[in-house]
């Protein structure tokens, strides 16, 4: 599962490179993904996730357990 956030489900978007002469060629806008390890105290173990920076901020705010629970309910969590 390359270039997809495991928490939010963010994926690459498509668009155009536009030159000075207004020539358009296809390009992709990639999400800012980071591979990060998180400790889950309830299960007493570490997990490694590929998450967007927005997801890291959300995890810092709400906690890893709550975020994983929400992502499972939403159907975006893959691990």
N, C-alpha and C. Protein backbone atom coordinates (compact mmCIF):
# COMPACT_ATOMS: atom_id res chain seq x y z
N UNK A 1 0.83 -1.17 0.00
CA UNK A 1 0.00 0.00 0.00
C UNK A 1 0.88 1.24 0.00
N UNK A 2 1.37 1.60 -1.15
CA UNK A 2 2.32 2.69 -1.24
C UNK A 2 1.60 4.04 -1.28
N UNK A 3 2.18 5.02 -0.64
CA UNK A 3 1.75 6.41 -0.69
C UNK A 3 0.30 6.62 -0.30
N UNK A 4 -0.16 5.88 0.72
CA UNK A 4 -1.50 6.05 1.26
C UNK A 4 -1.37 6.09 2.78
N UNK A 5 -1.97 7.10 3.40
CA UNK A 5 -1.93 7.22 4.86
C UNK A 5 -2.80 6.13 5.47
N UNK A 6 -2.26 5.40 6.44
CA UNK A 6 -2.99 4.30 7.05
C UNK A 6 -4.05 4.77 8.04
N UNK A 7 -4.02 6.02 8.44
CA UNK A 7 -5.02 6.55 9.38
C UNK A 7 -6.09 7.34 8.64
N UNK A 8 -5.69 8.33 7.86
CA UNK A 8 -6.66 9.21 7.20
C UNK A 8 -7.09 8.72 5.83
N UNK A 9 -6.27 7.84 5.20
CA UNK A 9 -6.60 7.36 3.87
C UNK A 9 -6.23 8.33 2.77
N UNK A 10 -5.42 9.36 3.09
CA UNK A 10 -5.00 10.32 2.07
C UNK A 10 -4.21 9.61 0.98
N UNK A 11 -4.48 9.98 -0.29
CA UNK A 11 -3.84 9.39 -1.46
C UNK A 11 -3.30 10.50 -2.35
N UNK A 12 -2.48 10.14 -3.34
CA UNK A 12 -2.01 11.16 -4.29
C UNK A 12 -3.17 11.72 -5.11
N UNK A 13 -3.07 13.01 -5.45
CA UNK A 13 -4.02 13.65 -6.35
C UNK A 13 -3.31 13.95 -7.66
N UNK A 14 -4.09 14.20 -8.71
CA UNK A 14 -3.48 14.50 -10.00
C UNK A 14 -3.78 15.94 -10.38
N UNK A 15 -2.92 16.47 -11.23
CA UNK A 15 -3.07 17.83 -11.72
C UNK A 15 -2.18 18.03 -12.92
N UNK A 16 -1.88 19.28 -13.22
CA UNK A 16 -1.06 19.60 -14.38
C UNK A 16 0.14 20.45 -13.97
N UNK A 17 1.28 20.21 -14.64
CA UNK A 17 2.35 21.18 -14.67
C UNK A 17 1.99 22.15 -15.78
N UNK A 18 2.06 23.43 -15.52
CA UNK A 18 1.72 24.42 -16.53
C UNK A 18 2.96 25.26 -16.80
N UNK A 19 3.42 25.24 -18.05
CA UNK A 19 4.62 25.98 -18.41
C UNK A 19 4.27 27.44 -18.69
N UNK A 20 5.32 28.22 -18.89
CA UNK A 20 5.13 29.63 -19.22
C UNK A 20 4.36 29.78 -20.53
N UNK A 21 4.54 28.82 -21.45
CA UNK A 21 3.83 28.83 -22.73
C UNK A 21 2.45 28.19 -22.62
N UNK A 22 2.03 27.89 -21.39
CA UNK A 22 0.71 27.31 -21.08
C UNK A 22 0.58 25.88 -21.59
N UNK A 23 1.72 25.16 -21.75
CA UNK A 23 1.67 23.73 -22.07
C UNK A 23 1.35 22.98 -20.78
N UNK A 24 0.52 21.97 -20.87
CA UNK A 24 0.11 21.23 -19.68
C UNK A 24 0.55 19.77 -19.79
N UNK A 25 1.20 19.29 -18.75
CA UNK A 25 1.57 17.88 -18.66
C UNK A 25 1.10 17.37 -17.30
N UNK A 26 0.71 16.11 -17.27
CA UNK A 26 0.17 15.53 -16.03
C UNK A 26 1.24 15.41 -14.96
N UNK A 27 0.83 15.59 -13.71
CA UNK A 27 1.71 15.40 -12.56
C UNK A 27 0.88 14.88 -11.40
N UNK A 28 1.57 14.45 -10.34
CA UNK A 28 0.88 13.95 -9.15
C UNK A 28 1.29 14.77 -7.95
N UNK A 29 0.33 15.03 -7.07
CA UNK A 29 0.57 15.70 -5.80
C UNK A 29 0.53 14.62 -4.72
N UNK A 30 1.68 14.35 -4.08
CA UNK A 30 1.76 13.29 -3.10
C UNK A 30 1.49 13.80 -1.70
N UNK A 31 0.83 13.01 -0.85
CA UNK A 31 0.66 13.41 0.55
C UNK A 31 2.00 13.34 1.28
N UNK A 32 2.15 14.14 2.32
CA UNK A 32 3.39 14.18 3.10
C UNK A 32 3.36 13.02 4.09
N UNK A 33 3.85 11.85 3.66
CA UNK A 33 3.80 10.64 4.49
C UNK A 33 5.11 10.42 5.21
N UNK A 34 5.01 9.97 6.44
CA UNK A 34 6.16 9.65 7.28
C UNK A 34 5.95 8.25 7.85
N UNK A 35 7.02 7.47 7.96
CA UNK A 35 6.95 6.18 8.63
C UNK A 35 7.30 6.42 10.08
N UNK A 36 6.38 6.08 10.98
CA UNK A 36 6.56 6.41 12.40
C UNK A 36 6.11 5.25 13.26
N UNK A 37 6.84 5.06 14.38
CA UNK A 37 6.48 4.03 15.34
C UNK A 37 5.69 4.66 16.48
N UNK A 38 4.63 3.99 16.90
CA UNK A 38 3.80 4.45 18.01
C UNK A 38 3.69 3.34 19.04
N UNK A 39 3.69 3.73 20.31
CA UNK A 39 3.54 2.76 21.40
C UNK A 39 2.09 2.74 21.83
N UNK A 40 1.51 1.53 21.89
CA UNK A 40 0.13 1.36 22.35
C UNK A 40 0.19 0.79 23.76
N UNK A 41 -0.11 1.60 24.77
CA UNK A 41 0.04 1.12 26.16
C UNK A 41 -0.95 0.01 26.53
N UNK A 42 -2.15 0.02 25.94
CA UNK A 42 -3.14 -1.01 26.26
C UNK A 42 -2.66 -2.40 25.86
N UNK A 43 -1.99 -2.48 24.71
CA UNK A 43 -1.49 -3.76 24.22
C UNK A 43 -0.03 -3.98 24.57
N UNK A 44 0.61 -2.95 25.13
CA UNK A 44 2.02 -2.99 25.53
C UNK A 44 2.92 -3.40 24.37
N UNK A 45 2.71 -2.74 23.21
CA UNK A 45 3.54 -3.04 22.05
C UNK A 45 3.68 -1.81 21.16
N UNK A 46 4.68 -1.87 20.27
CA UNK A 46 4.93 -0.82 19.29
C UNK A 46 4.34 -1.22 17.95
N UNK A 47 3.80 -0.25 17.21
CA UNK A 47 3.37 -0.50 15.84
C UNK A 47 4.02 0.56 14.94
N UNK A 48 4.30 0.18 13.71
CA UNK A 48 4.86 1.09 12.73
C UNK A 48 3.78 1.41 11.71
N UNK A 49 3.54 2.70 11.51
CA UNK A 49 2.52 3.14 10.57
C UNK A 49 3.10 4.11 9.58
N UNK A 50 2.55 4.12 8.37
CA UNK A 50 2.88 5.14 7.38
C UNK A 50 1.74 6.15 7.42
N UNK A 51 2.01 7.31 8.03
CA UNK A 51 0.96 8.28 8.29
C UNK A 51 1.32 9.65 7.73
N UNK A 52 0.30 10.43 7.43
CA UNK A 52 0.51 11.81 6.98
C UNK A 52 0.84 12.67 8.20
N UNK A 53 1.41 13.84 7.94
CA UNK A 53 1.76 14.73 9.05
C UNK A 53 0.51 15.22 9.76
N UNK A 54 -0.58 15.36 9.06
CA UNK A 54 -1.86 15.73 9.68
C UNK A 54 -2.31 14.64 10.66
N UNK A 55 -2.11 13.38 10.29
CA UNK A 55 -2.47 12.27 11.17
C UNK A 55 -1.59 12.26 12.42
N UNK A 56 -0.29 12.61 12.27
CA UNK A 56 0.60 12.66 13.44
C UNK A 56 0.11 13.71 14.42
N UNK A 57 -0.32 14.86 13.91
CA UNK A 57 -0.84 15.92 14.78
C UNK A 57 -2.11 15.46 15.49
N UNK A 58 -2.97 14.73 14.77
CA UNK A 58 -4.21 14.22 15.36
C UNK A 58 -3.90 13.20 16.44
N UNK A 59 -2.91 12.33 16.20
CA UNK A 59 -2.51 11.33 17.19
C UNK A 59 -1.97 12.00 18.44
N UNK A 60 -1.17 13.06 18.26
CA UNK A 60 -0.65 13.80 19.41
C UNK A 60 -1.76 14.44 20.22
N UNK A 61 -2.84 14.86 19.55
CA UNK A 61 -3.95 15.52 20.22
C UNK A 61 -4.87 14.53 20.93
N UNK A 62 -5.30 13.47 20.23
CA UNK A 62 -6.30 12.55 20.76
C UNK A 62 -5.73 11.30 21.40
N UNK A 63 -4.54 10.89 20.98
CA UNK A 63 -3.97 9.64 21.47
C UNK A 63 -4.10 8.56 20.41
N UNK A 64 -3.12 7.66 20.40
CA UNK A 64 -3.06 6.64 19.35
C UNK A 64 -4.24 5.67 19.40
N UNK A 65 -4.66 5.29 20.61
CA UNK A 65 -5.75 4.30 20.73
C UNK A 65 -7.06 4.84 20.18
N UNK A 66 -7.38 6.10 20.51
CA UNK A 66 -8.62 6.70 20.04
C UNK A 66 -8.60 6.88 18.52
N UNK A 67 -7.46 7.27 17.98
CA UNK A 67 -7.35 7.50 16.54
C UNK A 67 -7.48 6.19 15.77
N UNK A 68 -6.85 5.12 16.28
CA UNK A 68 -6.95 3.82 15.61
C UNK A 68 -8.39 3.31 15.65
N UNK A 69 -9.05 3.51 16.77
CA UNK A 69 -10.45 3.09 16.90
C UNK A 69 -11.32 3.82 15.88
N UNK A 70 -11.14 5.14 15.75
CA UNK A 70 -11.92 5.91 14.78
C UNK A 70 -11.62 5.47 13.34
N UNK A 71 -10.33 5.21 13.06
CA UNK A 71 -9.95 4.81 11.70
C UNK A 71 -10.53 3.44 11.35
N UNK A 72 -10.59 2.53 12.33
CA UNK A 72 -11.19 1.21 12.07
C UNK A 72 -12.68 1.35 11.77
N UNK A 73 -13.36 2.24 12.51
CA UNK A 73 -14.79 2.45 12.27
C UNK A 73 -15.03 3.07 10.89
N UNK A 74 -14.11 3.97 10.50
CA UNK A 74 -14.23 4.63 9.20
C UNK A 74 -13.81 3.72 8.06
N UNK A 75 -12.99 2.73 8.37
CA UNK A 75 -12.55 1.76 7.36
C UNK A 75 -11.26 2.11 6.67
N UNK A 76 -10.50 3.08 7.22
CA UNK A 76 -9.24 3.47 6.58
C UNK A 76 -8.03 2.83 7.22
N UNK A 77 -8.16 2.25 8.40
CA UNK A 77 -7.02 1.67 9.09
C UNK A 77 -6.63 0.35 8.47
N UNK A 78 -5.34 0.24 8.08
CA UNK A 78 -4.83 -1.00 7.50
C UNK A 78 -3.54 -1.38 8.21
N UNK A 79 -3.58 -2.41 9.00
CA UNK A 79 -2.36 -2.89 9.66
C UNK A 79 -2.57 -4.30 10.16
